C-alpha atoms as a PDB file:
ATOM      1  CA  MET A   1      25.834 -16.284 -21.454  1.00  0.00           C
ATOM      2  CA  ASP A   2      22.868 -16.325 -23.813  1.00  0.00           C
ATOM      3  CA  GLN A   3      20.149 -13.659 -23.837  1.00  0.00           C
ATOM      4  CA  THR A   4      17.778 -15.683 -21.634  1.00  0.00           C
ATOM      5  CA  GLU A   5      20.464 -15.990 -18.964  1.00  0.00           C
ATOM      6  CA  LYS A   6      21.252 -12.269 -19.243  1.00  0.00           C
ATOM      7  CA  ASP A   7      17.563 -11.424 -18.865  1.00  0.00           C
ATOM      8  CA  ALA A   8      17.271 -13.667 -15.796  1.00  0.00           C
ATOM      9  CA  ALA A   9      20.399 -12.116 -14.256  1.00  0.00           C
ATOM     10  CA  ALA A  10      19.020  -8.621 -14.881  1.00  0.00           C
ATOM     11  CA  ARG A  11      15.730  -9.533 -13.165  1.00  0.00           C
ATOM     12  CA  ASP A  12      17.612 -10.875 -10.125  1.00  0.00           C
ATOM     13  CA  ALA A  13      19.981  -7.891  -9.883  1.00  0.00           C
ATOM     14  CA  LEU A  14      19.504  -5.194  -7.277  1.00  0.00           C
ATOM     15  CA  LEU A  15      20.050  -1.558  -8.144  1.00  0.00           C
ATOM     16  CA  ILE A  16      21.437   0.517  -5.294  1.00  0.00           C
ATOM     17  CA  ARG A  17      21.296   4.288  -5.454  1.00  0.00           C
ATOM     18  CA  MET A  18      23.777   6.297  -3.402  1.00  0.00           C
ATOM     19  CA  THR A  19      25.039   9.801  -3.096  1.00  0.00           C
ATOM     20  CA  PRO A  20      28.060  10.795  -5.181  1.00  0.00           C
ATOM     21  CA  THR A  21      30.060  11.281  -1.977  1.00  0.00           C
ATOM     22  CA  LEU A  22      29.360   7.743  -0.771  1.00  0.00           C
ATOM     23  CA  LYS A  23      30.093   6.336  -4.227  1.00  0.00           C
ATOM     24  CA  LYS A  24      33.448   8.134  -4.256  1.00  0.00           C
ATOM     25  CA  ARG A  25      34.341   6.776  -0.796  1.00  0.00           C
ATOM     26  CA  ILE A  26      33.457   3.225  -1.863  1.00  0.00           C
ATOM     27  CA  PHE A  27      35.531   3.395  -5.032  1.00  0.00           C
ATOM     28  CA  GLU A  28      38.496   4.888  -3.146  1.00  0.00           C
ATOM     29  CA  LEU A  29      38.381   2.217  -0.445  1.00  0.00           C
ATOM     30  CA  ALA A  30      37.978  -0.562  -3.018  1.00  0.00           C
ATOM     31  CA  GLU A  31      41.019   0.723  -4.904  1.00  0.00           C
ATOM     32  CA  GLU A  32      43.050   0.868  -1.666  1.00  0.00           C
ATOM     33  CA  ARG A  33      42.097  -2.734  -0.928  1.00  0.00           C
ATOM     34  CA  GLY A  34      42.738  -3.886  -4.494  1.00  0.00           C
ATOM     35  CA  ILE A  35      39.195  -5.167  -5.040  1.00  0.00           C
ATOM     36  CA  SER A  36      36.260  -4.064  -7.142  1.00  0.00           C
ATOM     37  CA  ALA A  37      33.656  -1.710  -5.701  1.00  0.00           C
ATOM     38  CA  ASN A  38      31.090  -4.465  -6.246  1.00  0.00           C
ATOM     39  CA  ALA A  39      33.176  -6.939  -4.192  1.00  0.00           C
ATOM     40  CA  LEU A  40      33.561  -4.362  -1.413  1.00  0.00           C
ATOM     41  CA  ILE A  41      29.819  -3.680  -1.280  1.00  0.00           C
ATOM     42  CA  LEU A  42      28.967  -7.393  -1.281  1.00  0.00           C
ATOM     43  CA  THR A  43      31.489  -8.058   1.503  1.00  0.00           C
ATOM     44  CA  VAL A  44      30.092  -5.255   3.655  1.00  0.00           C
ATOM     45  CA  LEU A  45      26.514  -6.408   3.093  1.00  0.00           C
ATOM     46  CA  ASN A  46      27.356 -10.041   3.865  1.00  0.00           C
ATOM     47  CA  ASP A  47      29.189  -9.042   7.056  1.00  0.00           C
ATOM     48  CA  TRP A  48      26.235  -6.899   8.130  1.00  0.00           C
ATOM     49  CA  LEU A  49      23.747  -9.701   7.448  1.00  0.00           C
ATOM     50  CA  ASP A  50      25.895 -12.194   9.353  1.00  0.00           C
ATOM     51  CA  ARG A  51      25.976  -9.864  12.347  1.00  0.00           C
ATOM     52  CA  TYR A  52      22.510  -8.322  12.309  1.00  0.00           C
ATOM     53  CA  GLY A  53      20.414 -10.523  10.018  1.00  0.00           C
ATOM     54  CA  ALA A  54      20.194 -13.388  12.470  1.00  0.00           C
ATOM     55  CA  PRO A  55      18.313 -13.148  15.745  1.00  0.00           C
ATOM     56  CA  ARG A  56      20.467 -11.442  18.353  1.00  0.00           C
ATOM     57  CA  PHE A  57      20.035 -14.143  21.012  1.00  0.00           C
ATOM     58  CA  LYS A  58      20.062 -17.895  20.893  1.00  0.00           C
ATOM     59  CA  HIS A  59      19.283 -20.122  23.853  1.00  0.00           C
ATOM     60  CA  PHE A  60      22.340 -22.256  24.532  1.00  0.00           C
ATOM     61  CA  ASN A  61      21.592 -24.141  27.749  1.00  0.00           C
ATOM     62  CA  ILE A  62      19.785 -23.991  31.088  1.00  0.00           C
ATOM     63  CA  TYR A  63      21.580 -25.247  34.172  1.00  0.00           C
ATOM     64  CA  GLN A  64      20.437 -25.524  37.788  1.00  0.00           C
ATOM     65  CA  ASP A  65      21.809 -22.092  38.726  1.00  0.00           C
ATOM     66  CA  HIS A  66      22.105 -20.218  35.423  1.00  0.00           C
ATOM     67  CA  ILE A  67      21.079 -19.862  31.794  1.00  0.00           C
ATOM     68  CA  THR A  68      23.621 -19.547  29.008  1.00  0.00           C
ATOM     69  CA  ILE A  69      22.681 -17.693  25.843  1.00  0.00           C
ATOM     70  CA  TYR A  70      24.607 -16.739  22.726  1.00  0.00           C
ATOM     71  CA  ASP A  71      24.625 -13.024  21.852  1.00  0.00           C
ATOM     72  CA  ASN A  72      25.325 -12.396  18.155  1.00  0.00           C
ATOM     73  CA  ASN A  73      26.137  -8.727  18.805  1.00  0.00           C
ATOM     74  CA  ILE A  74      29.128  -9.582  20.976  1.00  0.00           C
ATOM     75  CA  GLY A  75      29.834 -12.911  19.304  1.00  0.00           C
ATOM     76  CA  GLY A  76      29.914 -14.876  22.523  1.00  0.00           C
ATOM     77  CA  LEU A  77      28.162 -16.639  25.353  1.00  0.00           C
ATOM     78  CA  VAL A  78      26.517 -14.788  28.241  1.00  0.00           C
ATOM     79  CA  ASP A  79      25.500 -16.340  31.558  1.00  0.00           C
ATOM     80  CA  VAL A  80      22.390 -15.172  33.392  1.00  0.00           C
ATOM     81  CA  TYR A  81      22.268 -16.390  37.005  1.00  0.00           C
ATOM     82  CA  LYS A  82      19.307 -17.145  39.238  1.00  0.00           C
ATOM     83  CA  ARG A  83      19.688 -15.091  42.414  1.00  0.00           C
ATOM     84  CA  GLY A  84      16.795 -15.730  44.737  1.00  0.00           C
ATOM     85  CA  LYS A  85      13.741 -15.111  42.590  1.00  0.00           C
ATOM     86  CA  LYS A  86      15.543 -12.834  40.116  1.00  0.00           C
ATOM     87  CA  LEU A  87      17.700 -13.315  37.065  1.00  0.00           C
ATOM     88  CA  ILE A  88      20.955 -11.335  37.028  1.00  0.00           C
ATOM     89  CA  CYS A  89      23.185 -10.993  33.976  1.00  0.00           C
ATOM     90  CA  LYS A  90      26.843 -11.710  34.721  1.00  0.00           C
ATOM     91  CA  LEU A  91      28.000  -9.514  31.825  1.00  0.00           C
ATOM     92  CA  ASP A  92      25.887  -6.438  32.597  1.00  0.00           C
ATOM     93  CA  ASN A  93      25.491  -7.066  36.353  1.00  0.00           C
ATOM     94  CA  THR A  94      21.794  -6.166  36.221  1.00  0.00           C
ATOM     95  CA  SER A  95      18.357  -7.742  36.036  1.00  0.00           C
ATOM     96  CA  GLN A  96      17.134  -5.202  33.460  1.00  0.00           C
ATOM     97  CA  CYS A  97      19.356  -5.847  30.424  1.00  0.00           C
ATOM     98  CA  ASP A  98      18.370  -7.432  27.107  1.00  0.00           C
ATOM     99  CA  HIS A  99      20.001 -10.739  28.108  1.00  0.00           C
ATOM    100  CA  VAL A 100      17.677 -11.097  31.091  1.00  0.00           C
ATOM    101  CA  LYS A 101      14.676  -9.964  29.036  1.00  0.00           C
ATOM    102  CA  PHE A 102      15.441 -12.661  26.477  1.00  0.00           C
ATOM    103  CA  CYS A 103      15.710 -15.306  29.198  1.00  0.00           C
ATOM    104  CA  HIS A 104      12.204 -14.398  30.361  1.00  0.00           C
ATOM    105  CA  THR A 105      10.889 -15.416  26.927  1.00  0.00           C
ATOM    106  CA  LEU A 106      12.166 -18.986  27.344  1.00  0.00           C
ATOM    107  CA  LYS A 107       9.518 -21.609  28.044  1.00  0.00           C
ATOM    108  CA  GLU A 108      11.506 -23.119  30.925  1.00  0.00           C
ATOM    109  CA  ILE A 109      11.815 -19.728  32.626  1.00  0.00           C
ATOM    110  CA  GLN A 110       8.129 -18.941  32.104  1.00  0.00           C
ATOM    111  CA  THR A 111       7.325 -22.264  33.797  1.00  0.00           C
ATOM    112  CA  LEU A 112       9.485 -21.281  36.795  1.00  0.00           C
ATOM    113  CA  ILE A 113       7.634 -17.950  36.981  1.00  0.00           C
ATOM    114  CA  GLU A 114       4.261 -19.747  36.909  1.00  0.00           C
ATOM    115  CA  LYS A 115       5.445 -21.990  39.759  1.00  0.00           C
ATOM    116  CA  GLY A 116       6.474 -18.920  41.774  1.00  0.00           C
ATOM    117  CA  GLN A 117      10.166 -19.827  41.690  1.00  0.00           C
ATOM    118  CA  LEU A 118      11.094 -16.669  39.769  1.00  0.00           C
ATOM    119  CA  GLN A 119       9.653 -13.143  39.676  1.00  0.00           C
ATOM    120  CA  LYS A 120       7.940 -11.766  36.601  1.00  0.00           C
ATOM    121  CA  PRO A 121      10.059  -9.253  34.695  1.00  0.00           C
END
């Protein structure tokens, strides 16, 4: 690596400051796992970004009687059913959870509310 490449790498690097106690824990865990502390930190950060860096909910599909959404926090699909003029989450068994609140942001659901087919949240 020539000096220009080293300079570019230094500009792109991120310095992380941590307490001595945390640093010790990281080095101990990395040694237990047989990896470098840098590899451990990068793995933890990547896992965190995969889980929390993306939007929590993703609209999957709308059916006649329910809406299916993907919840990144649980890593799975959640069904929200239309019951009368309310939406009820099958997972949480309520109309007040975050899954139902997300469904109310969907254009198709807002249209049903405007038509009087569903209640406002």
